[in-house]
Amino acid sequence: MAMTDTQFHQLADEMFQAIENAIETAIDEQDADVDIDASGNVLQLEFQDTSKIVINKQEPLHQIWIATRFGGYHFSYVDGQWLDERNGGEFMPFVLESIYRQGGIRLSL
């Protein structure tokens, strides 16, 4: 059964909120230096060195796209998980590792 736009937004918003909550916790506990800008379909994280990770919803494709300084990645919802369309990697572990590699911040979910 195909996913509806409403289901897509609900699932993607849950991921976005989990990331925001984890970063806010890290800011409180680790004095992490990261700015969060969430507007519309985009979640942008800016680190102390001014590098950014941009996570956005691609509604027509029902995908979440991530741009890091290491490259761009596309995740699709398959069998209850967001998976990278190229290597099958899971979304959340990838995001956590990217935030650590790029911003030096360890997040826990």
PDB file of N, CA and C in Angstrom:
ATOM      1  N   MET A   1       0.849  -1.185   0.000  1.00  0.00           N
ATOM      2  CA  MET A   1       0.000   0.000   0.000  1.00  0.00           C
ATOM      3  C   MET A   1       0.891   1.244   0.000  1.00  0.00           C
ATOM      4  N   ALA A   2       0.576   2.166  -0.869  1.00  0.00           N
ATOM      5  CA  ALA A   2       1.374   3.385  -0.999  1.00  0.00           C
ATOM      6  C   ALA A   2       1.135   4.311   0.194  1.00  0.00           C
ATOM      7  N   MET A   3       2.182   5.020   0.560  1.00  0.00           N
ATOM      8  CA  MET A   3       2.100   5.984   1.653  1.00  0.00           C
ATOM      9  C   MET A   3       1.403   7.247   1.162  1.00  0.00           C
ATOM     10  N   THR A   4       0.550   7.800   2.013  1.00  0.00           N
ATOM     11  CA  THR A   4      -0.093   9.074   1.667  1.00  0.00           C
ATOM     12  C   THR A   4       0.838  10.225   2.048  1.00  0.00           C
ATOM     13  N   ASP A   5       0.579  11.412   1.513  1.00  0.00           N
ATOM     14  CA  ASP A   5       1.359  12.590   1.883  1.00  0.00           C
ATOM     15  C   ASP A   5       1.253  12.857   3.380  1.00  0.00           C
ATOM     16  N   THR A   6       0.065  12.659   3.935  1.00  0.00           N
ATOM     17  CA  THR A   6      -0.138  12.892   5.366  1.00  0.00           C
ATOM     18  C   THR A   6       0.727  11.942   6.187  1.00  0.00           C
ATOM     19  N   GLN A   7       0.748  10.663   5.816  1.00  0.00           N
ATOM     20  CA  GLN A   7       1.576   9.687   6.529  1.00  0.00           C
ATOM     21  C   GLN A   7       3.059  10.048   6.408  1.00  0.00           C
ATOM     22  N   PHE A   8       3.467  10.444   5.209  1.00  0.00           N
ATOM     23  CA  PHE A   8       4.855  10.841   4.986  1.00  0.00           C
ATOM     24  C   PHE A   8       5.258  11.977   5.921  1.00  0.00           C
ATOM     25  N   HIS A   9       4.435  13.023   5.965  1.00  0.00           N
ATOM     26  CA  HIS A   9       4.765  14.175   6.811  1.00  0.00           C
ATOM     27  C   HIS A   9       4.806  13.793   8.285  1.00  0.00           C
ATOM     28  N   GLN A  10       3.888  12.942   8.717  1.00  0.00           N
ATOM     29  CA  GLN A  10       3.867  12.514  10.112  1.00  0.00           C
ATOM     30  C   GLN A  10       5.150  11.760  10.458  1.00  0.00           C
ATOM     31  N   LEU A  11       5.547  10.820   9.608  1.00  0.00           N
ATOM     32  CA  LEU A  11       6.753  10.030   9.862  1.00  0.00           C
ATOM     33  C   LEU A  11       8.009  10.905   9.807  1.00  0.00           C
ATOM     34  N   ALA A  12       8.091  11.783   8.821  1.00  0.00           N
ATOM     35  CA  ALA A  12       9.259  12.655   8.701  1.00  0.00           C
ATOM     36  C   ALA A  12       9.326  13.634   9.869  1.00  0.00           C
ATOM     37  N   ASP A  13       8.178  14.190  10.253  1.00  0.00           N
ATOM     38  CA  ASP A  13       8.152  15.135  11.372  1.00  0.00           C
ATOM     39  C   ASP A  13       8.612  14.477  12.666  1.00  0.00           C
ATOM     40  N   GLU A  14       8.279  13.189  12.858  1.00  0.00           N
ATOM     41  CA  GLU A  14       8.739  12.466  14.042  1.00  0.00           C
ATOM     42  C   GLU A  14      10.264  12.408  14.068  1.00  0.00           C
ATOM     43  N   MET A  15      10.887  12.164  12.918  1.00  0.00           N
ATOM     44  CA  MET A  15      12.350  12.115  12.832  1.00  0.00           C
ATOM     45  C   MET A  15      12.940  13.496  13.122  1.00  0.00           C
ATOM     46  N   PHE A  16      12.373  14.527  12.506  1.00  0.00           N
ATOM     47  CA  PHE A  16      12.858  15.890  12.713  1.00  0.00           C
ATOM     48  C   PHE A  16      12.780  16.263  14.192  1.00  0.00           C
ATOM     49  N   GLN A  17      11.657  15.940  14.827  1.00  0.00           N
ATOM     50  CA  GLN A  17      11.465  16.290  16.235  1.00  0.00           C
ATOM     51  C   GLN A  17      12.446  15.542  17.124  1.00  0.00           C
ATOM     52  N   ALA A  18      12.697  14.280  16.823  1.00  0.00           N
ATOM     53  CA  ALA A  18      13.657  13.493  17.610  1.00  0.00           C
ATOM     54  C   ALA A  18      15.050  14.107  17.514  1.00  0.00           C
ATOM     55  N   ILE A  19      15.439  14.561  16.323  1.00  0.00           N
ATOM     56  CA  ILE A  19      16.749  15.190  16.138  1.00  0.00           C
ATOM     57  C   ILE A  19      16.814  16.498  16.922  1.00  0.00           C
ATOM     58  N   GLU A  20      15.779  17.328  16.788  1.00  0.00           N
ATOM     59  CA  GLU A  20      15.753  18.598  17.524  1.00  0.00           C
ATOM     60  C   GLU A  20      15.841  18.368  19.031  1.00  0.00           C
ATOM     61  N   ASN A  21      15.075  17.419  19.540  1.00  0.00           N
ATOM     62  CA  ASN A  21      15.080  17.135  20.985  1.00  0.00           C
ATOM     63  C   ASN A  21      16.458  16.675  21.450  1.00  0.00           C
ATOM     64  N   ALA A  22      17.103  15.801  20.663  1.00  0.00           N
ATOM     65  CA  ALA A  22      18.428  15.293  21.032  1.00  0.00           C
ATOM     66  C   ALA A  22      19.454  16.421  21.029  1.00  0.00           C
ATOM     67  N   ILE A  23      19.358  17.329  20.063  1.00  0.00           N
ATOM     68  CA  ILE A  23      20.303  18.449  20.004  1.00  0.00           C
ATOM     69  C   ILE A  23      20.073  19.393  21.178  1.00  0.00           C
ATOM     70  N   GLU A  24      18.825  19.676  21.483  1.00  0.00           N
ATOM     71  CA  GLU A  24      18.543  20.566  22.615  1.00  0.00           C
ATOM     72  C   GLU A  24      19.062  19.967  23.922  1.00  0.00           C
ATOM     73  N   THR A  25      18.960  18.660  24.078  1.00  0.00           N
ATOM     74  CA  THR A  25      19.507  17.984  25.252  1.00  0.00           C
ATOM     75  C   THR A  25      21.032  18.126  25.274  1.00  0.00           C
ATOM     76  N   ALA A  26      21.680  17.953  24.105  1.00  0.00           N
ATOM     77  CA  ALA A  26      23.140  18.079  24.021  1.00  0.00           C
ATOM     78  C   ALA A  26      23.577  19.508  24.331  1.00  0.00           C
ATOM     79  N   ILE A  27      22.800  20.478  23.883  1.00  0.00           N
ATOM     80  CA  ILE A  27      23.126  21.876  24.173  1.00  0.00           C
ATOM     81  C   ILE A  27      23.100  22.097  25.681  1.00  0.00           C
ATOM     82  N   ASP A  28      22.094  21.540  26.337  1.00  0.00           N
ATOM     83  CA  ASP A  28      21.964  21.688  27.793  1.00  0.00           C
ATOM     84  C   ASP A  28      23.054  20.931  28.549  1.00  0.00           C
ATOM     85  N   GLU A  29      23.311  19.673  28.138  1.00  0.00           N
ATOM     86  CA  GLU A  29      24.205  18.804  28.905  1.00  0.00           C
ATOM     87  C   GLU A  29      25.679  18.975  28.542  1.00  0.00           C
ATOM     88  N   GLN A  30      25.968  19.231  27.260  1.00  0.00           N
ATOM     89  CA  GLN A  30      27.358  19.275  26.795  1.00  0.00           C
ATOM     90  C   GLN A  30      27.791  20.686  26.424  1.00  0.00           C
ATOM     91  N   ASP A  31      26.889  21.652  26.575  1.00  0.00           N
ATOM     92  CA  ASP A  31      27.159  23.007  26.122  1.00  0.00           C
ATOM     93  C   ASP A  31      27.553  22.998  24.641  1.00  0.00           C
ATOM     94  N   ALA A  32      26.869  22.143  23.874  1.00  0.00           N
ATOM     95  CA  ALA A  32      27.146  22.009  22.445  1.00  0.00           C
ATOM     96  C   ALA A  32      26.815  23.308  21.727  1.00  0.00           C
ATOM     97  N   ASP A  33      27.617  23.627  20.724  1.00  0.00           N
ATOM     98  CA  ASP A  33      27.417  24.857  19.962  1.00  0.00           C
ATOM     99  C   ASP A  33      26.850  24.511  18.595  1.00  0.00           C
ATOM    100  N   VAL A  34      25.529  24.509  18.503  1.00  0.00           N
ATOM    101  CA  VAL A  34      24.859  24.219  17.240  1.00  0.00           C
ATOM    102  C   VAL A  34      23.573  25.029  17.195  1.00  0.00           C
ATOM    103  N   ASP A  35      23.318  25.632  16.049  1.00  0.00           N
ATOM    104  CA  ASP A  35      22.079  26.381  15.859  1.00  0.00           C
ATOM    105  C   ASP A  35      21.118  25.533  15.052  1.00  0.00           C
ATOM    106  N   ILE A  36      19.869  25.524  15.485  1.00  0.00           N
ATOM    107  CA  ILE A  36      18.814  24.773  14.813  1.00  0.00           C
ATOM    108  C   ILE A  36      17.881  25.769  14.137  1.00  0.00           C
ATOM    109  N   ASP A  37      17.636  25.563  12.854  1.00  0.00           N
ATOM    110  CA  ASP A  37      16.670  26.388  12.139  1.00  0.00           C
ATOM    111  C   ASP A  37      15.686  25.452  11.461  1.00  0.00           C
ATOM    112  N   ALA A  38      14.488  25.360  12.021  1.00  0.00           N
ATOM    113  CA  ALA A  38      13.449  24.508  11.448  1.00  0.00           C
ATOM    114  C   ALA A  38      12.382  25.400  10.844  1.00  0.00           C
ATOM    115  N   SER A  39      12.212  25.287   9.546  1.00  0.00           N
ATOM    116  CA  SER A  39      11.147  26.055   8.901  1.00  0.00           C
ATOM    117  C   SER A  39      10.600  25.263   7.729  1.00  0.00           C
ATOM    118  N   GLY A  40       9.294  25.099   7.728  1.00  0.00           N
ATOM    119  CA  GLY A  40       8.650  24.350   6.653  1.00  0.00           C
ATOM    120  C   GLY A  40       9.152  22.922   6.585  1.00  0.00           C
ATOM    121  N   ASN A  41       9.655  22.546   5.425  1.00  0.00           N
ATOM    122  CA  ASN A  41      10.108  21.176   5.202  1.00  0.00           C
ATOM    123  C   ASN A  41      11.600  21.001   5.416  1.00  0.00           C
ATOM    124  N   VAL A  42      12.254  22.006   6.035  1.00  0.00           N
ATOM    125  CA  VAL A  42      13.711  21.980   6.162  1.00  0.00           C
ATOM    126  C   VAL A  42      14.140  22.095   7.621  1.00  0.00           C
ATOM    127  N   LEU A  43      15.100  21.259   8.001  1.00  0.00           N
ATOM    128  CA  LEU A  43      15.750  21.340   9.303  1.00  0.00           C
ATOM    129  C   LEU A  43      17.228  21.584   9.023  1.00  0.00           C
ATOM    130  N   GLN A  44      17.720  22.748   9.454  1.00  0.00           N
ATOM    131  CA  GLN A  44      19.103  23.111   9.183  1.00  0.00           C
ATOM    132  C   GLN A  44      19.871  23.205  10.497  1.00  0.00           C
ATOM    133  N   LEU A  45      21.022  22.542  10.534  1.00  0.00           N
ATOM    134  CA  LEU A  45      21.888  22.554  11.707  1.00  0.00           C
ATOM    135  C   LEU A  45      23.172  23.268  11.319  1.00  0.00           C
ATOM    136  N   GLU A  46      23.528  24.301  12.078  1.00  0.00           N
ATOM    137  CA  GLU A  46      24.776  25.012  11.805  1.00  0.00           C
ATOM    138  C   GLU A  46      25.692  24.864  13.003  1.00  0.00           C
ATOM    139  N   PHE A  47      26.947  24.455  12.721  1.00  0.00           N
ATOM    140  CA  PHE A  47      27.904  24.160  13.766  1.00  0.00           C
ATOM    141  C   PHE A  47      28.856  25.336  13.993  1.00  0.00           C
ATOM    142  N   GLN A  48      29.669  25.206  15.020  1.00  0.00           N
ATOM    143  CA  GLN A  48      30.573  26.283  15.430  1.00  0.00           C
ATOM    144  C   GLN A  48      31.474  26.729  14.276  1.00  0.00           C
ATOM    145  N   ASP A  49      31.893  25.798  13.412  1.00  0.00           N
ATOM    146  CA  ASP A  49      32.777  26.144  12.294  1.00  0.00           C
ATOM    147  C   ASP A  49      32.004  26.692  11.090  1.00  0.00           C
ATOM    148  N   THR A  50      30.708  26.972  11.273  1.00  0.00           N
ATOM    149  CA  THR A  50      29.755  27.485  10.269  1.00  0.00           C
ATOM    150  C   THR A  50      29.373  26.463   9.198  1.00  0.00           C
ATOM    151  N   SER A  51      29.856  25.226   9.317  1.00  0.00           N
ATOM    152  CA  SER A  51      29.383  24.206   8.386  1.00  0.00           C
ATOM    153  C   SER A  51      27.943  23.853   8.740  1.00  0.00           C
ATOM    154  N   LYS A  52      27.221  23.307   7.774  1.00  0.00           N
ATOM    155  CA  LYS A  52      25.806  23.003   7.975  1.00  0.00           C
ATOM    156  C   LYS A  52      25.479  21.580   7.548  1.00  0.00           C
ATOM    157  N   ILE A  53      24.465  21.051   8.204  1.00  0.00           N
ATOM    158  CA  ILE A  53      23.786  19.847   7.740  1.00  0.00           C
ATOM    159  C   ILE A  53      22.352  20.284   7.468  1.00  0.00           C
ATOM    160  N   VAL A  54      21.874  19.992   6.265  1.00  0.00           N
ATOM    161  CA  VAL A  54      20.516  20.370   5.885  1.00  0.00           C
ATOM    162  C   VAL A  54      19.726  19.094   5.636  1.00  0.00           C
ATOM    163  N   ILE A  55      18.605  18.978   6.335  1.00  0.00           N
ATOM    164  CA  ILE A  55      17.724  17.818   6.203  1.00  0.00           C
ATOM    165  C   ILE A  55      16.390  18.348   5.692  1.00  0.00           C
ATOM    166  N   ASN A  56      15.923  17.803   4.574  1.00  0.00           N
ATOM    167  CA  ASN A  56      14.649  18.304   4.075  1.00  0.00           C
ATOM    168  C   ASN A  56      13.749  17.198   3.549  1.00  0.00           C
ATOM    169  N   LYS A  57      12.468  17.509   3.602  1.00  0.00           N
ATOM    170  CA  LYS A  57      11.448  16.573   3.141  1.00  0.00           C
ATOM    171  C   LYS A  57      11.209  16.801   1.643  1.00  0.00           C
ATOM    172  N   GLN A  58      11.220  15.728   0.897  1.00  0.00           N
ATOM    173  CA  GLN A  58      10.903  15.755  -0.528  1.00  0.00           C
ATOM    174  C   GLN A  58       9.545  15.072  -0.705  1.00  0.00           C
ATOM    175  N   GLU A  59       8.487  15.876  -0.532  1.00  0.00           N
ATOM    176  CA  GLU A  59       7.137  15.313  -0.527  1.00  0.00           C
ATOM    177  C   GLU A  59       6.789  14.538  -1.797  1.00  0.00           C
ATOM    178  N   PRO A  60       7.082  15.067  -2.992  1.00  0.00           N
ATOM    179  CA  PRO A  60       6.671  14.316  -4.190  1.00  0.00           C
ATOM    180  C   PRO A  60       7.268  12.912  -4.260  1.00  0.00           C
ATOM    181  N   LEU A  61       8.465  12.738  -3.677  1.00  0.00           N
ATOM    182  CA  LEU A  61       9.142  11.442  -3.712  1.00  0.00           C
ATOM    183  C   LEU A  61       8.960  10.646  -2.421  1.00  0.00           C
ATOM    184  N   HIS A  62       8.341  11.298  -1.412  1.00  0.00           N
ATOM    185  CA  HIS A  62       8.226  10.688  -0.080  1.00  0.00           C
ATOM    186  C   HIS A  62       9.591  10.244   0.433  1.00  0.00           C
ATOM    187  N   GLN A  63      10.567  11.148   0.320  1.00  0.00           N
ATOM    188  CA  GLN A  63      11.917  10.887   0.794  1.00  0.00           C
ATOM    189  C   GLN A  63      12.365  12.003   1.729  1.00  0.00           C
ATOM    190  N   ILE A  64      13.381  11.693   2.547  1.00  0.00           N
ATOM    191  CA  ILE A  64      14.091  12.695   3.330  1.00  0.00           C
ATOM    192  C   ILE A  64      15.492  12.784   2.731  1.00  0.00           C
ATOM    193  N   TRP A  65      15.898  14.009   2.392  1.00  0.00           N
ATOM    194  CA  TRP A  65      17.224  14.225   1.829  1.00  0.00           C
ATOM    195  C   TRP A  65      18.094  14.901   2.869  1.00  0.00           C
ATOM    196  N   ILE A  66      19.369  14.514   2.897  1.00  0.00           N
ATOM    197  CA  ILE A  66      20.326  15.102   3.828  1.00  0.00           C
ATOM    198  C   ILE A  66      21.552  15.554   3.047  1.00  0.00           C
ATOM    199  N   ALA A  67      21.945  16.804   3.287  1.00  0.00           N
ATOM    200  CA  ALA A  67      23.185  17.327   2.714  1.00  0.00           C
ATOM    201  C   ALA A  67      24.157  17.584   3.856  1.00  0.00           C
ATOM    202  N   THR A  68      25.321  16.928   3.795  1.00  0.00           N
ATOM    203  CA  THR A  68      26.388  17.147   4.765  1.00  0.00           C
ATOM    204  C   THR A  68      27.616  17.601   3.984  1.00  0.00           C
ATOM    205  N   ARG A  69      28.676  17.966   4.690  1.00  0.00           N
ATOM    206  CA  ARG A  69      29.871  18.339   3.930  1.00  0.00           C
ATOM    207  C   ARG A  69      30.549  17.109   3.333  1.00  0.00           C
ATOM    208  N   PHE A  70      30.042  15.922   3.639  1.00  0.00           N
ATOM    209  CA  PHE A  70      30.589  14.679   3.095  1.00  0.00           C
ATOM    210  C   PHE A  70      29.786  14.177   1.902  1.00  0.00           C
ATOM    211  N   GLY A  71      28.653  14.829   1.600  1.00  0.00           N
ATOM    212  CA  GLY A  71      27.853  14.403   0.459  1.00  0.00           C
ATOM    213  C   GLY A  71      26.362  14.503   0.734  1.00  0.00           C
ATOM    214  N   GLY A  72      25.589  14.158  -0.272  1.00  0.00           N
ATOM    215  CA  GLY A  72      24.135  14.189  -0.167  1.00  0.00           C
ATOM    216  C   GLY A  72      23.574  12.774  -0.154  1.00  0.00           C
ATOM    217  N   TYR A  73      22.491  12.595   0.594  1.00  0.00           N
ATOM    218  CA  TYR A  73      21.915  11.264   0.785  1.00  0.00           C
ATOM    219  C   TYR A  73      20.402  11.343   0.723  1.00  0.00           C
ATOM    220  N   HIS A  74      19.786  10.292   0.178  1.00  0.00           N
ATOM    221  CA  HIS A  74      18.332  10.232   0.046  1.00  0.00           C
ATOM    222  C   HIS A  74      17.826   8.999   0.784  1.00  0.00           C
ATOM    223  N   PHE A  75      16.837   9.216   1.656  1.00  0.00           N
ATOM    224  CA  PHE A  75      16.275   8.124   2.454  1.00  0.00           C
ATOM    225  C   PHE A  75      14.808   7.927   2.124  1.00  0.00           C
ATOM    226  N   SER A  76      14.428   6.669   1.932  1.00  0.00           N
ATOM    227  CA  SER A  76      13.038   6.297   1.666  1.00  0.00           C
ATOM    228  C   SER A  76      12.529   5.428   2.812  1.00  0.00           C
ATOM    229  N   TYR A  77      11.226   5.479   3.050  1.00  0.00           N
ATOM    230  CA  TYR A  77      10.619   4.691   4.123  1.00  0.00           C
ATOM    231  C   TYR A  77      10.286   3.301   3.582  1.00  0.00           C
ATOM    232  N   VAL A  78      10.981   2.285   4.116  1.00  0.00           N
ATOM    233  CA  VAL A  78      10.822   0.915   3.639  1.00  0.00           C
ATOM    234  C   VAL A  78      10.660  -0.002   4.839  1.00  0.00           C
ATOM    235  N   ASP A  79       9.579  -0.748   4.870  1.00  0.00           N
ATOM    236  CA  ASP A  79       9.351  -1.736   5.930  1.00  0.00           C
ATOM    237  C   ASP A  79       9.555  -1.145   7.331  1.00  0.00           C
ATOM    238  N   GLY A  80       9.007   0.052   7.550  1.00  0.00           N
ATOM    239  CA  GLY A  80       9.036   0.646   8.878  1.00  0.00           C
ATOM    240  C   GLY A  80      10.317   1.380   9.246  1.00  0.00           C
ATOM    241  N   GLN A  81      11.223   1.568   8.277  1.00  0.00           N
ATOM    242  CA  GLN A  81      12.483   2.268   8.551  1.00  0.00           C
ATOM    243  C   GLN A  81      12.807   3.220   7.407  1.00  0.00           C
ATOM    244  N   TRP A  82      13.502   4.327   7.751  1.00  0.00           N
ATOM    245  CA  TRP A  82      14.047   5.229   6.728  1.00  0.00           C
ATOM    246  C   TRP A  82      15.410   4.680   6.332  1.00  0.00           C
ATOM    247  N   LEU A  83      15.559   4.291   5.039  1.00  0.00           N
ATOM    248  CA  LEU A  83      16.790   3.665   4.571  1.00  0.00           C
ATOM    249  C   LEU A  83      17.389   4.444   3.407  1.00  0.00           C
ATOM    250  N   ASP A  84      18.732   4.523   3.391  1.00  0.00           N
ATOM    251  CA  ASP A  84      19.460   5.174   2.303  1.00  0.00           C
ATOM    252  C   ASP A  84      19.230   4.376   1.024  1.00  0.00           C
ATOM    253  N   GLU A  85      18.852   5.082  -0.036  1.00  0.00           N
ATOM    254  CA  GLU A  85      18.523   4.376  -1.275  1.00  0.00           C
ATOM    255  C   GLU A  85      19.755   3.761  -1.945  1.00  0.00           C
ATOM    256  N   ARG A  86      20.960   4.210  -1.595  1.00  0.00           N
ATOM    257  CA  ARG A  86      22.167   3.655  -2.213  1.00  0.00           C
ATOM    258  C   ARG A  86      22.753   2.492  -1.427  1.00  0.00           C
ATOM    259  N   ASN A  87      22.866   2.647  -0.101  1.00  0.00           N
ATOM    260  CA  ASN A  87      23.571   1.598   0.655  1.00  0.00           C
ATOM    261  C   ASN A  87      22.704   0.905   1.701  1.00  0.00           C
ATOM    262  N   GLY A  88      21.437   1.306   1.816  1.00  0.00           N
ATOM    263  CA  GLY A  88      20.538   0.643   2.754  1.00  0.00           C
ATOM    264  C   GLY A  88      20.749   1.023   4.209  1.00  0.00           C
ATOM    265  N   GLY A  89      21.631   1.995   4.469  1.00  0.00           N
ATOM    266  CA  GLY A  89      21.888   2.424   5.841  1.00  0.00           C
ATOM    267  C   GLY A  89      20.668   3.104   6.442  1.00  0.00           C
ATOM    268  N   GLU A  90      20.538   2.998   7.762  1.00  0.00           N
ATOM    269  CA  GLU A  90      19.396   3.591   8.457  1.00  0.00           C
ATOM    270  C   GLU A  90      19.610   5.086   8.680  1.00  0.00           C
ATOM    271  N   PHE A  91      18.520   5.825   8.622  1.00  0.00           N
ATOM    272  CA  PHE A  91      18.534   7.281   8.723  1.00  0.00           C
ATOM    273  C   PHE A  91      19.121   7.783  10.039  1.00  0.00           C
ATOM    274  N   MET A  92      18.565   7.370  11.160  1.00  0.00           N
ATOM    275  CA  MET A  92      18.957   7.980  12.428  1.00  0.00           C
ATOM    276  C   MET A  92      20.419   7.704  12.788  1.00  0.00           C
ATOM    277  N   PRO A  93      20.921   6.467  12.683  1.00  0.00           N
ATOM    278  CA  PRO A  93      22.354   6.268  12.946  1.00  0.00           C
ATOM    279  C   PRO A  93      23.223   7.127  12.020  1.00  0.00           C
ATOM    280  N   PHE A  94      22.801   7.276  10.762  1.00  0.00           N
ATOM    281  CA  PHE A  94      23.555   8.104   9.823  1.00  0.00           C
ATOM    282  C   PHE A  94      23.573   9.563  10.271  1.00  0.00           C
ATOM    283  N   VAL A  95      22.423  10.083  10.675  1.00  0.00           N
ATOM    284  CA  VAL A  95      22.339  11.478  11.125  1.00  0.00           C
ATOM    285  C   VAL A  95      23.212  11.686  12.362  1.00  0.00           C
ATOM    286  N   LEU A  96      23.120  10.778  13.328  1.00  0.00           N
ATOM    287  CA  LEU A  96      23.914  10.906  14.551  1.00  0.00           C
ATOM    288  C   LEU A  96      25.409  10.896  14.237  1.00  0.00           C
ATOM    289  N   GLU A  97      25.832  10.001  13.352  1.00  0.00           N
ATOM    290  CA  GLU A  97      27.248   9.924  12.973  1.00  0.00           C
ATOM    291  C   GLU A  97      27.670  11.182  12.216  1.00  0.00           C
ATOM    292  N   SER A  98      26.801  11.693  11.348  1.00  0.00           N
ATOM    293  CA  SER A  98      27.118  12.914  10.591  1.00  0.00           C
ATOM    294  C   SER A  98      27.277  14.109  11.515  1.00  0.00           C
ATOM    295  N   ILE A  99      26.409  14.234  12.504  1.00  0.00           N
ATOM    296  CA  ILE A  99      26.488  15.338  13.462  1.00  0.00           C
ATOM    297  C   ILE A  99      27.786  15.229  14.261  1.00  0.00           C
ATOM    298  N   TYR A 100      28.165  14.006  14.615  1.00  0.00           N
ATOM    299  CA  TYR A 100      29.421  13.817  15.340  1.00  0.00           C
ATOM    300  C   TYR A 100      30.617  14.156  14.449  1.00  0.00           C
ATOM    301  N   ARG A 101      30.630  13.634  13.224  1.00  0.00           N
ATOM    302  CA  ARG A 101      31.762  13.870  12.316  1.00  0.00           C
ATOM    303  C   ARG A 101      31.898  15.347  11.974  1.00  0.00           C
ATOM    304  N   GLN A 102      30.777  16.012  11.782  1.00  0.00           N
ATOM    305  CA  GLN A 102      30.827  17.384  11.312  1.00  0.00           C
ATOM    306  C   GLN A 102      30.891  18.396  12.455  1.00  0.00           C
ATOM    307  N   GLY A 103      30.197  18.110  13.559  1.00  0.00           N
ATOM    308  CA  GLY A 103      30.131  19.084  14.641  1.00  0.00           C
ATOM    309  C   GLY A 103      30.778  18.660  15.935  1.00  0.00           C
ATOM    310  N   GLY A 104      31.236  17.393  16.008  1.00  0.00           N
ATOM    311  CA  GLY A 104      31.877  16.898  17.216  1.00  0.00           C
ATOM    312  C   GLY A 104      30.922  16.718  18.391  1.00  0.00           C
ATOM    313  N   ILE A 105      29.633  16.572  18.083  1.00  0.00           N
ATOM    314  CA  ILE A 105      28.619  16.472  19.129  1.00  0.00           C
ATOM    315  C   ILE A 105      28.037  15.056  19.134  1.00  0.00           C
ATOM    316  N   ARG A 106      28.114  14.415  20.292  1.00  0.00           N
ATOM    317  CA  ARG A 106      27.517  13.071  20.452  1.00  0.00           C
ATOM    318  C   ARG A 106      26.082  13.237  20.924  1.00  0.00           C
ATOM    319  N   LEU A 107      25.171  12.692  20.142  1.00  0.00           N
ATOM    320  CA  LEU A 107      23.752  12.729  20.527  1.00  0.00           C
ATOM    321  C   LEU A 107      23.305  11.335  20.901  1.00  0.00           C
ATOM    322  N   SER A 108      22.313  11.261  21.778  1.00  0.00           N
ATOM    323  CA  SER A 108      21.708   9.975  22.093  1.00  0.00           C
ATOM    324  C   SER A 108      20.204  10.101  21.977  1.00  0.00           C
ATOM    325  N   LEU A 109      19.600   9.083  21.423  1.00  0.00           N
ATOM    326  CA  LEU A 109      18.142   9.060  21.240  1.00  0.00           C
ATOM    327  C   LEU A 109      17.533   7.956  22.073  1.00  0.00           C
TER     328      LEU A 109
END
